[in-house]
PDB file of all heavy atoms in Angstrom:
ATOM      1  N   VAL A   1      43.411  97.319 267.919  1.00  0.00           N
ATOM      2  CA  VAL A   1      44.197  97.553 266.689  1.00  0.00           C
ATOM      3  C   VAL A   1      43.654  98.832 266.026  1.00  0.00           C
ATOM      4  O   VAL A   1      44.361  99.695 265.571  1.00  0.00           O
ATOM      5  CB  VAL A   1      44.073  96.324 265.741  1.00  0.00           C
ATOM      6  CG1 VAL A   1      44.429  96.712 264.284  1.00  0.00           C
ATOM      7  CG2 VAL A   1      44.986  95.230 266.209  1.00  0.00           C
ATOM      8  N   ARG A   2      42.310  98.957 265.930  1.00  0.00           N
ATOM      9  CA  ARG A   2      41.670 100.103 265.344  1.00  0.00           C
ATOM     10  C   ARG A   2      42.001 101.394 266.208  1.00  0.00           C
ATOM     11  O   ARG A   2      42.344 102.466 265.574  1.00  0.00           O
ATOM     12  CB  ARG A   2      40.171  99.938 265.195  1.00  0.00           C
ATOM     13  CG  ARG A   2      39.865  98.878 264.086  1.00  0.00           C
ATOM     14  CD  ARG A   2      38.344  98.929 263.794  1.00  0.00           C
ATOM     15  NE  ARG A   2      37.530  98.486 264.918  1.00  0.00           N
ATOM     16  CZ  ARG A   2      37.254  97.168 265.086  1.00  0.00           C
ATOM     17  NH1 ARG A   2      37.662  96.275 264.265  1.00  0.00           N
ATOM     18  NH2 ARG A   2      36.468  96.813 266.161  1.00  0.00           N
ATOM     19  N   PHE A   3      41.896 101.287 267.503  1.00  0.00           N
ATOM     20  CA  PHE A   3      42.100 102.412 268.360  1.00  0.00           C
ATOM     21  C   PHE A   3      43.544 102.949 268.182  1.00  0.00           C
ATOM     22  O   PHE A   3      43.755 104.165 268.171  1.00  0.00           O
ATOM     23  CB  PHE A   3      41.846 102.035 269.825  1.00  0.00           C
ATOM     24  CG  PHE A   3      42.194 103.108 270.765  1.00  0.00           C
ATOM     25  CD1 PHE A   3      41.367 104.159 270.993  1.00  0.00           C
ATOM     26  CD2 PHE A   3      43.401 103.058 271.517  1.00  0.00           C
ATOM     27  CE1 PHE A   3      41.692 105.159 271.926  1.00  0.00           C
ATOM     28  CE2 PHE A   3      43.736 104.076 272.391  1.00  0.00           C
ATOM     29  CZ  PHE A   3      42.836 105.120 272.616  1.00  0.00           C
ATOM     30  N   LEU A   4      44.461 102.055 268.007  1.00  0.00           N
ATOM     31  CA  LEU A   4      45.906 102.432 267.976  1.00  0.00           C
ATOM     32  C   LEU A   4      46.369 102.694 266.501  1.00  0.00           C
ATOM     33  O   LEU A   4      47.530 103.005 266.313  1.00  0.00           O
ATOM     34  CB  LEU A   4      46.739 101.334 268.606  1.00  0.00           C
ATOM     35  CG  LEU A   4      46.605 101.179 270.106  1.00  0.00           C
ATOM     36  CD1 LEU A   4      47.190  99.860 270.587  1.00  0.00           C
ATOM     37  CD2 LEU A   4      47.131 102.323 270.875  1.00  0.00           C
ATOM     38  N   GLY A   5      45.461 102.619 265.559  1.00  0.00           N
ATOM     39  CA  GLY A   5      45.816 102.885 264.163  1.00  0.00           C
ATOM     40  C   GLY A   5      46.754 101.841 263.614  1.00  0.00           C
ATOM     41  O   GLY A   5      47.632 102.189 262.779  1.00  0.00           O
ATOM     42  N   LEU A   6      46.531 100.535 263.927  1.00  0.00           N
ATOM     43  CA  LEU A   6      47.465  99.505 263.527  1.00  0.00           C
ATOM     44  C   LEU A   6      46.780  98.608 262.474  1.00  0.00           C
ATOM     45  O   LEU A   6      47.306  97.529 262.170  1.00  0.00           O
ATOM     46  CB  LEU A   6      47.884  98.643 264.703  1.00  0.00           C
ATOM     47  CG  LEU A   6      48.739  99.405 265.769  1.00  0.00           C
ATOM     48  CD1 LEU A   6      48.861  98.519 267.029  1.00  0.00           C
ATOM     49  CD2 LEU A   6      50.141  99.681 265.195  1.00  0.00           C
ATOM     50  N   GLU A   7      45.672  99.042 261.868  1.00  0.00           N
ATOM     51  CA  GLU A   7      44.947  98.150 260.964  1.00  0.00           C
ATOM     52  C   GLU A   7      45.837  97.670 259.764  1.00  0.00           C
ATOM     53  O   GLU A   7      45.747  96.539 259.390  1.00  0.00           O
ATOM     54  CB  GLU A   7      43.738  98.870 260.373  1.00  0.00           C
ATOM     55  CG  GLU A   7      42.713  99.315 261.405  1.00  0.00           C
ATOM     56  CD  GLU A   7      42.816 100.803 261.721  1.00  0.00           C
ATOM     57  OE1 GLU A   7      43.980 101.242 261.968  1.00  0.00           O
ATOM     58  OE2 GLU A   7      41.783 101.488 261.811  1.00  0.00           O
ATOM     59  N   ALA A   8      46.657  98.564 259.216  1.00  0.00           N
ATOM     60  CA  ALA A   8      47.438  98.205 258.077  1.00  0.00           C
ATOM     61  C   ALA A   8      48.544  97.195 258.320  1.00  0.00           C
ATOM     62  O   ALA A   8      49.083  96.579 257.399  1.00  0.00           O
ATOM     63  CB  ALA A   8      48.120  99.527 257.486  1.00  0.00           C
ATOM     64  N   VAL A   9      48.865  97.045 259.583  1.00  0.00           N
ATOM     65  CA  VAL A   9      49.932  96.086 259.945  1.00  0.00           C
ATOM     66  C   VAL A   9      49.471  94.982 260.889  1.00  0.00           C
ATOM     67  O   VAL A   9      50.295  94.190 261.429  1.00  0.00           O
ATOM     68  CB  VAL A   9      51.181  96.840 260.602  1.00  0.00           C
ATOM     69  CG1 VAL A   9      51.791  97.787 259.610  1.00  0.00           C
ATOM     70  CG2 VAL A   9      50.734  97.510 261.885  1.00  0.00           C
ATOM     71  N   ALA A  10      48.203  94.833 261.037  1.00  0.00           N
ATOM     72  CA  ALA A  10      47.648  93.837 261.974  1.00  0.00           C
ATOM     73  C   ALA A  10      48.115  92.434 261.760  1.00  0.00           C
ATOM     74  O   ALA A  10      48.314  91.709 262.735  1.00  0.00           O
ATOM     75  CB  ALA A  10      46.081  93.912 261.934  1.00  0.00           C
ATOM     76  N   ASP A  11      48.333  92.035 260.517  1.00  0.00           N
ATOM     77  CA  ASP A  11      48.714  90.704 260.179  1.00  0.00           C
ATOM     78  C   ASP A  11      50.246  90.499 259.957  1.00  0.00           C
ATOM     79  O   ASP A  11      50.686  89.444 259.652  1.00  0.00           O
ATOM     80  CB  ASP A  11      47.950  90.141 258.946  1.00  0.00           C
ATOM     81  CG  ASP A  11      46.510  90.100 259.197  1.00  0.00           C
ATOM     82  OD1 ASP A  11      46.105  89.729 260.325  1.00  0.00           O
ATOM     83  OD2 ASP A  11      45.669  90.445 258.283  1.00  0.00           O
ATOM     84  N   LYS A  12      50.938  91.619 260.089  1.00  0.00           N
ATOM     85  CA  LYS A  12      52.413  91.548 259.896  1.00  0.00           C
ATOM     86  C   LYS A  12      53.123  91.111 261.181  1.00  0.00           C
ATOM     87  O   LYS A  12      52.600  91.288 262.276  1.00  0.00           O
ATOM     88  CB  LYS A  12      52.992  92.952 259.567  1.00  0.00           C
ATOM     89  CG  LYS A  12      52.644  93.375 258.148  1.00  0.00           C
ATOM     90  CD  LYS A  12      53.324  94.706 257.815  1.00  0.00           C
ATOM     91  CE  LYS A  12      53.111  95.093 256.398  1.00  0.00           C
ATOM     92  NZ  LYS A  12      53.787  94.244 255.447  1.00  0.00           N
ATOM     93  N   ARG A  13      54.250  90.438 261.008  1.00  0.00           N
ATOM     94  CA  ARG A  13      55.032  89.994 262.160  1.00  0.00           C
ATOM     95  C   ARG A  13      55.651  91.235 262.780  1.00  0.00           C
ATOM     96  O   ARG A  13      56.087  92.209 262.083  1.00  0.00           O
ATOM     97  CB  ARG A  13      56.128  89.036 261.736  1.00  0.00           C
ATOM     98  CG  ARG A  13      55.584  87.654 261.380  1.00  0.00           C
ATOM     99  CD  ARG A  13      56.728  86.702 261.079  1.00  0.00           C
ATOM    100  NE  ARG A  13      57.546  87.114 259.928  1.00  0.00           N
ATOM    101  CZ  ARG A  13      58.579  86.469 259.472  1.00  0.00           C
ATOM    102  NH1 ARG A  13      58.976  85.359 260.004  1.00  0.00           N
ATOM    103  NH2 ARG A  13      59.204  86.897 258.425  1.00  0.00           N
ATOM    104  N   VAL A  14      55.758  91.249 264.121  1.00  0.00           N
ATOM    105  CA  VAL A  14      56.328  92.404 264.829  1.00  0.00           C
ATOM    106  C   VAL A  14      57.740  92.692 264.388  1.00  0.00           C
ATOM    107  O   VAL A  14      58.132  93.863 264.319  1.00  0.00           O
ATOM    108  CB  VAL A  14      56.225  92.129 266.365  1.00  0.00           C
ATOM    109  CG1 VAL A  14      57.062  93.132 267.139  1.00  0.00           C
ATOM    110  CG2 VAL A  14      54.793  92.261 266.807  1.00  0.00           C
ATOM    111  N   SER A  15      58.475  91.673 264.101  1.00  0.00           N
ATOM    112  CA  SER A  15      59.938  91.876 263.654  1.00  0.00           C
ATOM    113  C   SER A  15      60.024  92.723 262.429  1.00  0.00           C
ATOM    114  O   SER A  15      61.109  93.222 262.126  1.00  0.00           O
ATOM    115  CB  SER A  15      60.573  90.532 263.477  1.00  0.00           C
ATOM    116  OG  SER A  15      59.899  89.759 262.450  1.00  0.00           O
ATOM    117  N   GLU A  16      58.977  92.815 261.608  1.00  0.00           N
ATOM    118  CA  GLU A  16      59.034  93.564 260.330  1.00  0.00           C
ATOM    119  C   GLU A  16      58.695  95.064 260.559  1.00  0.00           C
ATOM    120  O   GLU A  16      58.800  95.865 259.558  1.00  0.00           O
ATOM    121  CB  GLU A  16      58.025  92.944 259.366  1.00  0.00           C
ATOM    122  CG  GLU A  16      58.276  91.528 259.062  1.00  0.00           C
ATOM    123  CD  GLU A  16      57.127  90.866 258.189  1.00  0.00           C
ATOM    124  OE1 GLU A  16      56.256  91.658 257.805  1.00  0.00           O
ATOM    125  OE2 GLU A  16      57.195  89.697 257.921  1.00  0.00           O
ATOM    126  N   LEU A  17      58.361  95.449 261.781  1.00  0.00           N
ATOM    127  CA  LEU A  17      57.808  96.812 261.999  1.00  0.00           C
ATOM    128  C   LEU A  17      58.897  97.754 262.555  1.00  0.00           C
ATOM    129  O   LEU A  17      59.818  97.336 263.250  1.00  0.00           O
ATOM    130  CB  LEU A  17      56.622  96.709 262.979  1.00  0.00           C
ATOM    131  CG  LEU A  17      55.501  95.803 262.560  1.00  0.00           C
ATOM    132  CD1 LEU A  17      54.418  95.798 263.695  1.00  0.00           C
ATOM    133  CD2 LEU A  17      54.873  96.256 261.262  1.00  0.00           C
ATOM    134  N   PRO A  18      58.775  99.055 262.237  1.00  0.00           N
ATOM    135  CA  PRO A  18      59.649 100.059 262.846  1.00  0.00           C
ATOM    136  C   PRO A  18      59.413 100.135 264.344  1.00  0.00           C
ATOM    137  O   PRO A  18      58.352  99.766 264.874  1.00  0.00           O
ATOM    138  CB  PRO A  18      59.272 101.366 262.090  1.00  0.00           C
ATOM    139  CG  PRO A  18      57.924 101.122 261.604  1.00  0.00           C
ATOM    140  CD  PRO A  18      57.811  99.646 261.282  1.00  0.00           C
ATOM    141  N   PHE A  19      60.446 100.693 265.018  1.00  0.00           N
ATOM    142  CA  PHE A  19      60.408 100.745 266.456  1.00  0.00           C
ATOM    143  C   PHE A  19      59.213 101.423 267.010  1.00  0.00           C
ATOM    144  O   PHE A  19      58.562 100.990 268.020  1.00  0.00           O
ATOM    145  CB  PHE A  19      61.689 101.418 266.967  1.00  0.00           C
ATOM    146  CG  PHE A  19      61.898 101.367 268.457  1.00  0.00           C
ATOM    147  CD1 PHE A  19      62.232 100.142 269.083  1.00  0.00           C
ATOM    148  CD2 PHE A  19      61.613 102.498 269.289  1.00  0.00           C
ATOM    149  CE1 PHE A  19      62.408 100.124 270.485  1.00  0.00           C
ATOM    150  CE2 PHE A  19      61.799 102.421 270.646  1.00  0.00           C
ATOM    151  CZ  PHE A  19      62.211 101.209 271.228  1.00  0.00           C
ATOM    152  N   GLY A  20      58.862 102.600 266.471  1.00  0.00           N
ATOM    153  CA  GLY A  20      57.724 103.388 267.001  1.00  0.00           C
ATOM    154  C   GLY A  20      56.385 102.636 266.879  1.00  0.00           C
ATOM    155  O   GLY A  20      55.549 102.693 267.795  1.00  0.00           O
ATOM    156  N   THR A  21      56.212 101.816 265.784  1.00  0.00           N
ATOM    157  CA  THR A  21      55.039 101.023 265.649  1.00  0.00           C
ATOM    158  C   THR A  21      55.037  99.874 266.680  1.00  0.00           C
ATOM    159  O   THR A  21      53.912  99.569 267.253  1.00  0.00           O
ATOM    160  CB  THR A  21      54.943 100.452 264.248  1.00  0.00           C
ATOM    161  OG1 THR A  21      55.039 101.506 263.320  1.00  0.00           O
ATOM    162  CG2 THR A  21      53.658  99.664 264.040  1.00  0.00           C
ATOM    163  N   ARG A  22      56.127  99.312 266.924  1.00  0.00           N
ATOM    164  CA  ARG A  22      56.205  98.205 267.935  1.00  0.00           C
ATOM    165  C   ARG A  22      55.863  98.769 269.307  1.00  0.00           C
ATOM    166  O   ARG A  22      55.295  98.032 270.110  1.00  0.00           O
ATOM    167  CB  ARG A  22      57.608  97.568 267.997  1.00  0.00           C
ATOM    168  CG  ARG A  22      57.803  96.578 266.794  1.00  0.00           C
ATOM    169  CD  ARG A  22      59.129  95.980 266.874  1.00  0.00           C
ATOM    170  NE  ARG A  22      60.207  96.774 266.223  1.00  0.00           N
ATOM    171  CZ  ARG A  22      61.501  96.624 266.452  1.00  0.00           C
ATOM    172  NH1 ARG A  22      61.930  95.775 267.336  1.00  0.00           N
ATOM    173  NH2 ARG A  22      62.375  97.417 265.822  1.00  0.00           N
ATOM    174  N   LYS A  23      56.176  99.984 269.569  1.00  0.00           N
ATOM    175  CA  LYS A  23      55.773 100.586 270.885  1.00  0.00           C
ATOM    176  C   LYS A  23      54.269 100.603 271.019  1.00  0.00           C
ATOM    177  O   LYS A  23      53.726 100.376 272.114  1.00  0.00           O
ATOM    178  CB  LYS A  23      56.374 102.020 270.926  1.00  0.00           C
ATOM    179  CG  LYS A  23      57.831 102.136 271.242  1.00  0.00           C
ATOM    180  CD  LYS A  23      58.105 102.244 272.728  1.00  0.00           C
ATOM    181  CE  LYS A  23      59.552 102.539 272.999  1.00  0.00           C
ATOM    182  NZ  LYS A  23      59.779 102.764 274.423  1.00  0.00           N
ATOM    183  N   ARG A  24      53.571 100.903 269.925  1.00  0.00           N
ATOM    184  CA  ARG A  24      52.079 100.952 269.964  1.00  0.00           C
ATOM    185  C   ARG A  24      51.551  99.536 270.168  1.00  0.00           C
ATOM    186  O   ARG A  24      50.526  99.324 270.804  1.00  0.00           O
ATOM    187  CB  ARG A  24      51.523 101.592 268.733  1.00  0.00           C
ATOM    188  CG  ARG A  24      51.523 103.099 268.801  1.00  0.00           C
ATOM    189  CD  ARG A  24      50.847 103.685 267.603  1.00  0.00           C
ATOM    190  NE  ARG A  24      51.672 103.641 266.407  1.00  0.00           N
ATOM    191  CZ  ARG A  24      51.167 103.479 265.189  1.00  0.00           C
ATOM    192  NH1 ARG A  24      49.846 103.488 264.956  1.00  0.00           N
ATOM    193  NH2 ARG A  24      51.976 103.462 264.145  1.00  0.00           N
ATOM    194  N   VAL A  25      52.211  98.567 269.560  1.00  0.00           N
ATOM    195  CA  VAL A  25      51.790  97.153 269.732  1.00  0.00           C
ATOM    196  C   VAL A  25      51.875  96.734 271.230  1.00  0.00           C
ATOM    197  O   VAL A  25      50.925  96.110 271.743  1.00  0.00           O
ATOM    198  CB  VAL A  25      52.612  96.196 268.830  1.00  0.00           C
ATOM    199  CG1 VAL A  25      52.215  94.733 269.115  1.00  0.00           C
ATOM    200  CG2 VAL A  25      52.475  96.533 267.400  1.00  0.00           C
ATOM    201  N   GLU A  26      53.003  97.143 271.886  1.00  0.00           N
ATOM    202  CA  GLU A  26      53.100  96.795 273.254  1.00  0.00           C
ATOM    203  C   GLU A  26      52.045  97.490 274.126  1.00  0.00           C
ATOM    204  O   GLU A  26      51.534  96.941 275.095  1.00  0.00           O
ATOM    205  CB  GLU A  26      54.530  97.093 273.801  1.00  0.00           C
ATOM    206  CG  GLU A  26      54.743  96.544 275.179  1.00  0.00           C
ATOM    207  CD  GLU A  26      56.159  96.648 275.669  1.00  0.00           C
ATOM    208  OE1 GLU A  26      56.753  97.717 275.506  1.00  0.00           O
ATOM    209  OE2 GLU A  26      56.667  95.626 276.174  1.00  0.00           O
TER     210      GLU A  26
END
């Protein structure tokens, strides 16, 4: 999560995120 810069959304549901962010989650 830290490496990919996802700290601010770590506890958010994936469905709430923009497409580009979901790409990083995958």
